């Protein structure tokens, strides 16, 4: 099981993987309350930014590592390998997250099962080659921290020089976890 490493639980927090002692297992007849298998630590001081400070994945949980996802081409008339073929950062974020939703669905999971996300952003030529963090967040907030889907993953976002697909501005990889 990926979430257990030598009797310790895997903790994912803001891009850092740490190991902590695994909790004791209660006997089947125990009156102790059953704790959630995936715990999300909110940001401090009522911060409503839609990520978690940390996510703890306990024993008894299957962990899924999804490869990076890109957005599909949305404008077949645009020059091949151009950002215009894929859309702006918000459009590409939504496209990549919808692709991830599709992969998760094939595994019997939902976007709410995502516990860790890494977002790779290319500098947008339309924004002086700087990453469009606001555009990424506009797409991201359609999927996380909503009334329909309140779960928030831990997350990192970084600017990279390029992605494998010319014209792609966004690639997103996730780790998901679900009790079995």
Protein backbone atom coordinates (compact mmCIF):
# COMPACT_ATOMS: atom_id res chain seq x y z
CA UNK A 1 0.00 0.00 0.00
CA UNK A 2 1.44 3.38 -1.02
CA UNK A 3 0.19 5.24 2.06
CA UNK A 4 2.09 3.00 4.49
CA UNK A 5 5.86 3.02 4.48
CA UNK A 6 7.52 0.84 7.14
CA UNK A 7 4.66 1.27 9.64
CA UNK A 8 4.45 5.04 9.18
CA UNK A 9 1.77 7.12 7.51
CA UNK A 10 2.51 9.34 4.55
CA UNK A 11 1.73 13.03 5.06
CA UNK A 12 1.53 15.41 2.09
CA UNK A 13 1.92 19.08 2.94
CA UNK A 14 2.59 21.97 0.58
CA UNK A 15 4.78 19.87 -1.68
CA UNK A 16 6.69 18.17 1.16
CA UNK A 17 6.41 14.45 1.82
CA UNK A 18 6.94 13.52 5.46
CA UNK A 19 6.54 10.35 7.48
CA UNK A 20 4.83 10.23 10.85
CA UNK A 21 4.21 7.40 13.26
CA UNK A 22 1.12 5.43 12.31
CA UNK A 23 -1.79 5.61 14.77
CA UNK A 24 -2.69 2.60 16.87
CA UNK A 25 -5.37 0.39 15.40
CA UNK A 26 -8.47 -0.09 17.58
CA UNK A 27 -9.92 -3.54 18.12
CA UNK A 28 -13.10 -4.33 16.18
CA UNK A 29 -15.21 -4.03 19.34
CA UNK A 30 -13.66 -0.70 20.37
CA UNK A 31 -16.00 2.16 21.24
CA UNK A 32 -13.43 4.70 19.98
CA UNK A 33 -14.73 6.91 17.18
CA UNK A 34 -13.47 6.08 13.72
CA UNK A 35 -11.30 8.94 12.46
CA UNK A 36 -11.41 10.11 8.87
CA UNK A 37 -8.85 8.32 6.73
CA UNK A 38 -7.98 11.55 4.89
CA UNK A 39 -7.67 14.69 7.01
CA UNK A 40 -7.33 18.17 5.49
CA UNK A 41 -5.78 20.92 7.61
CA UNK A 42 -7.25 24.30 6.64
CA UNK A 43 -5.09 27.38 6.25
CA UNK A 44 -4.72 29.35 9.49
CA UNK A 45 -6.73 32.37 10.63
CA UNK A 46 -9.85 31.73 8.55
CA UNK A 47 -7.97 32.17 5.27
CA UNK A 48 -10.43 31.13 2.54
CA UNK A 49 -7.80 30.52 -0.18
CA UNK A 50 -8.93 27.19 -1.71
CA UNK A 51 -6.03 24.95 -0.66
CA UNK A 52 -5.23 22.98 2.49
CA UNK A 53 -2.13 23.64 4.58
CA UNK A 54 -1.62 19.90 4.81
CA UNK A 55 -3.39 16.66 4.00
CA UNK A 56 -2.84 13.51 6.07
CA UNK A 57 -3.49 10.15 4.43
CA UNK A 58 -3.85 7.39 7.04
CA UNK A 59 -3.60 3.62 6.86
CA UNK A 60 -6.44 1.88 5.02
CA UNK A 61 -6.36 4.27 2.08
CA UNK A 62 -5.45 3.57 -1.54
CA UNK A 63 -3.22 6.23 -3.06
CA UNK A 64 -3.30 7.06 -6.77
CA UNK A 65 -0.55 8.96 -8.59
CA UNK A 66 -1.84 10.52 -11.82
CA UNK A 67 0.46 11.59 -14.62
CA UNK A 68 0.49 15.22 -15.68
CA UNK A 69 -2.53 16.30 -17.71
CA UNK A 70 -2.70 18.94 -20.42
CA UNK A 71 -5.72 20.70 -21.86
CA UNK A 72 -7.06 19.52 -25.21
CA UNK A 73 -6.72 21.61 -28.36
CA UNK A 74 -9.80 23.85 -28.49
CA UNK A 75 -9.08 25.82 -31.68
CA UNK A 76 -8.07 23.58 -34.57
CA UNK A 77 -7.82 26.66 -36.84
CA UNK A 78 -5.06 28.23 -34.71
CA UNK A 79 -1.45 27.56 -35.67
CA UNK A 80 -0.33 24.14 -34.42
CA UNK A 81 1.78 24.43 -31.27
CA UNK A 82 0.47 27.87 -30.38
CA UNK A 83 -1.10 28.97 -27.12
CA UNK A 84 -4.12 30.03 -29.19
CA UNK A 85 -4.71 26.37 -30.09
CA UNK A 86 -5.10 25.48 -26.40
CA UNK A 87 -6.58 28.71 -25.04
CA UNK A 88 -5.49 31.03 -22.26
CA UNK A 89 -4.32 29.87 -18.84
CA UNK A 90 -7.81 29.72 -17.33
CA UNK A 91 -9.14 27.71 -20.28
CA UNK A 92 -6.17 25.34 -20.15
CA UNK A 93 -6.54 24.89 -16.38
CA UNK A 94 -10.20 23.93 -16.81
CA UNK A 95 -9.29 21.59 -19.69
CA UNK A 96 -6.53 19.88 -17.70
CA UNK A 97 -8.76 19.49 -14.62
CA UNK A 98 -11.55 18.04 -16.75
CA UNK A 99 -9.03 15.54 -18.17
CA UNK A 100 -8.03 14.66 -14.59
CA UNK A 101 -11.73 14.28 -13.66
CA UNK A 102 -12.08 11.79 -16.51
CA UNK A 103 -9.07 9.74 -15.35
CA UNK A 104 -10.32 9.81 -11.76
CA UNK A 105 -13.78 8.65 -12.89
CA UNK A 106 -12.20 5.67 -14.68
CA UNK A 107 -10.64 4.77 -11.30
CA UNK A 108 -13.96 5.19 -9.43
CA UNK A 109 -12.79 8.46 -7.86
CA UNK A 110 -13.87 12.11 -7.98
CA UNK A 111 -12.02 15.42 -7.99
CA UNK A 112 -12.83 15.56 -4.26
CA UNK A 113 -10.43 12.65 -3.70
CA UNK A 114 -7.43 14.76 -4.80
CA UNK A 115 -5.06 15.31 -1.85
CA UNK A 116 -2.02 16.85 -3.57
CA UNK A 117 -1.65 18.87 -6.75
CA UNK A 118 1.32 20.28 -8.61
CA UNK A 119 0.61 22.91 -11.27
CA UNK A 120 3.26 23.69 -13.87
CA UNK A 121 2.73 27.05 -15.60
CA UNK A 122 4.59 28.38 -18.63
CA UNK A 123 5.02 32.14 -18.92
CA UNK A 124 2.18 33.41 -21.09
CA UNK A 125 3.42 35.33 -24.16
CA UNK A 126 0.33 37.57 -23.83
CA UNK A 127 1.40 38.45 -20.25
CA UNK A 128 5.03 39.44 -20.84
CA UNK A 129 6.09 35.77 -20.44
CA UNK A 130 5.02 35.69 -16.79
CA UNK A 131 2.88 32.89 -15.42
CA UNK A 132 -0.80 33.76 -15.25
CA UNK A 133 -1.45 32.70 -11.66
CA UNK A 134 -4.75 34.60 -11.55
CA UNK A 135 -5.94 32.78 -14.69
CA UNK A 136 -4.96 29.43 -13.19
CA UNK A 137 -6.82 30.27 -9.98
CA UNK A 138 -9.94 31.29 -11.93
CA UNK A 139 -10.03 27.80 -13.47
CA UNK A 140 -8.97 26.00 -10.28
CA UNK A 141 -11.71 27.59 -8.15
CA UNK A 142 -14.33 26.02 -10.41
CA UNK A 143 -13.28 22.59 -9.05
CA UNK A 144 -12.02 23.05 -5.46
CA UNK A 145 -13.47 24.73 -2.38
CA UNK A 146 -16.92 25.06 -3.92
CA UNK A 147 -20.29 24.34 -2.30
CA UNK A 148 -20.59 21.23 -4.51
CA UNK A 149 -16.99 20.09 -3.87
CA UNK A 150 -15.53 21.59 -0.68
CA UNK A 151 -12.40 19.38 -0.45
CA UNK A 152 -9.16 21.30 -0.93
CA UNK A 153 -5.86 19.60 -1.78
CA UNK A 154 -2.43 20.75 -0.73
CA UNK A 155 -0.94 22.39 -3.80
CA UNK A 156 2.17 23.85 -5.38
CA UNK A 157 2.29 26.07 -8.46
CA UNK A 158 5.53 26.81 -10.28
CA UNK A 159 6.59 28.53 -13.48
CA UNK A 160 8.59 26.37 -15.88
CA UNK A 161 10.42 27.25 -19.09
CA UNK A 162 8.32 24.96 -21.29
CA UNK A 163 6.10 21.90 -21.36
CA UNK A 164 6.33 18.88 -23.68
CA UNK A 165 3.49 20.17 -25.89
CA UNK A 166 4.36 23.42 -27.68
CA UNK A 167 1.72 26.04 -26.89
CA UNK A 168 0.67 24.40 -23.61
CA UNK A 169 0.68 26.87 -20.72
CA UNK A 170 -0.58 24.48 -18.01
CA UNK A 171 0.17 20.93 -16.90
CA UNK A 172 -1.31 19.52 -13.71
CA UNK A 173 -0.46 16.33 -11.87
CA UNK A 174 -2.33 15.06 -8.84
CA UNK A 175 -2.25 12.47 -6.10
CA UNK A 176 -5.64 11.13 -5.00
CA UNK A 177 -6.53 8.98 -2.01
CA UNK A 178 -9.64 7.05 -1.02
CA UNK A 179 -10.51 4.60 1.74
CA UNK A 180 -11.03 1.02 0.67
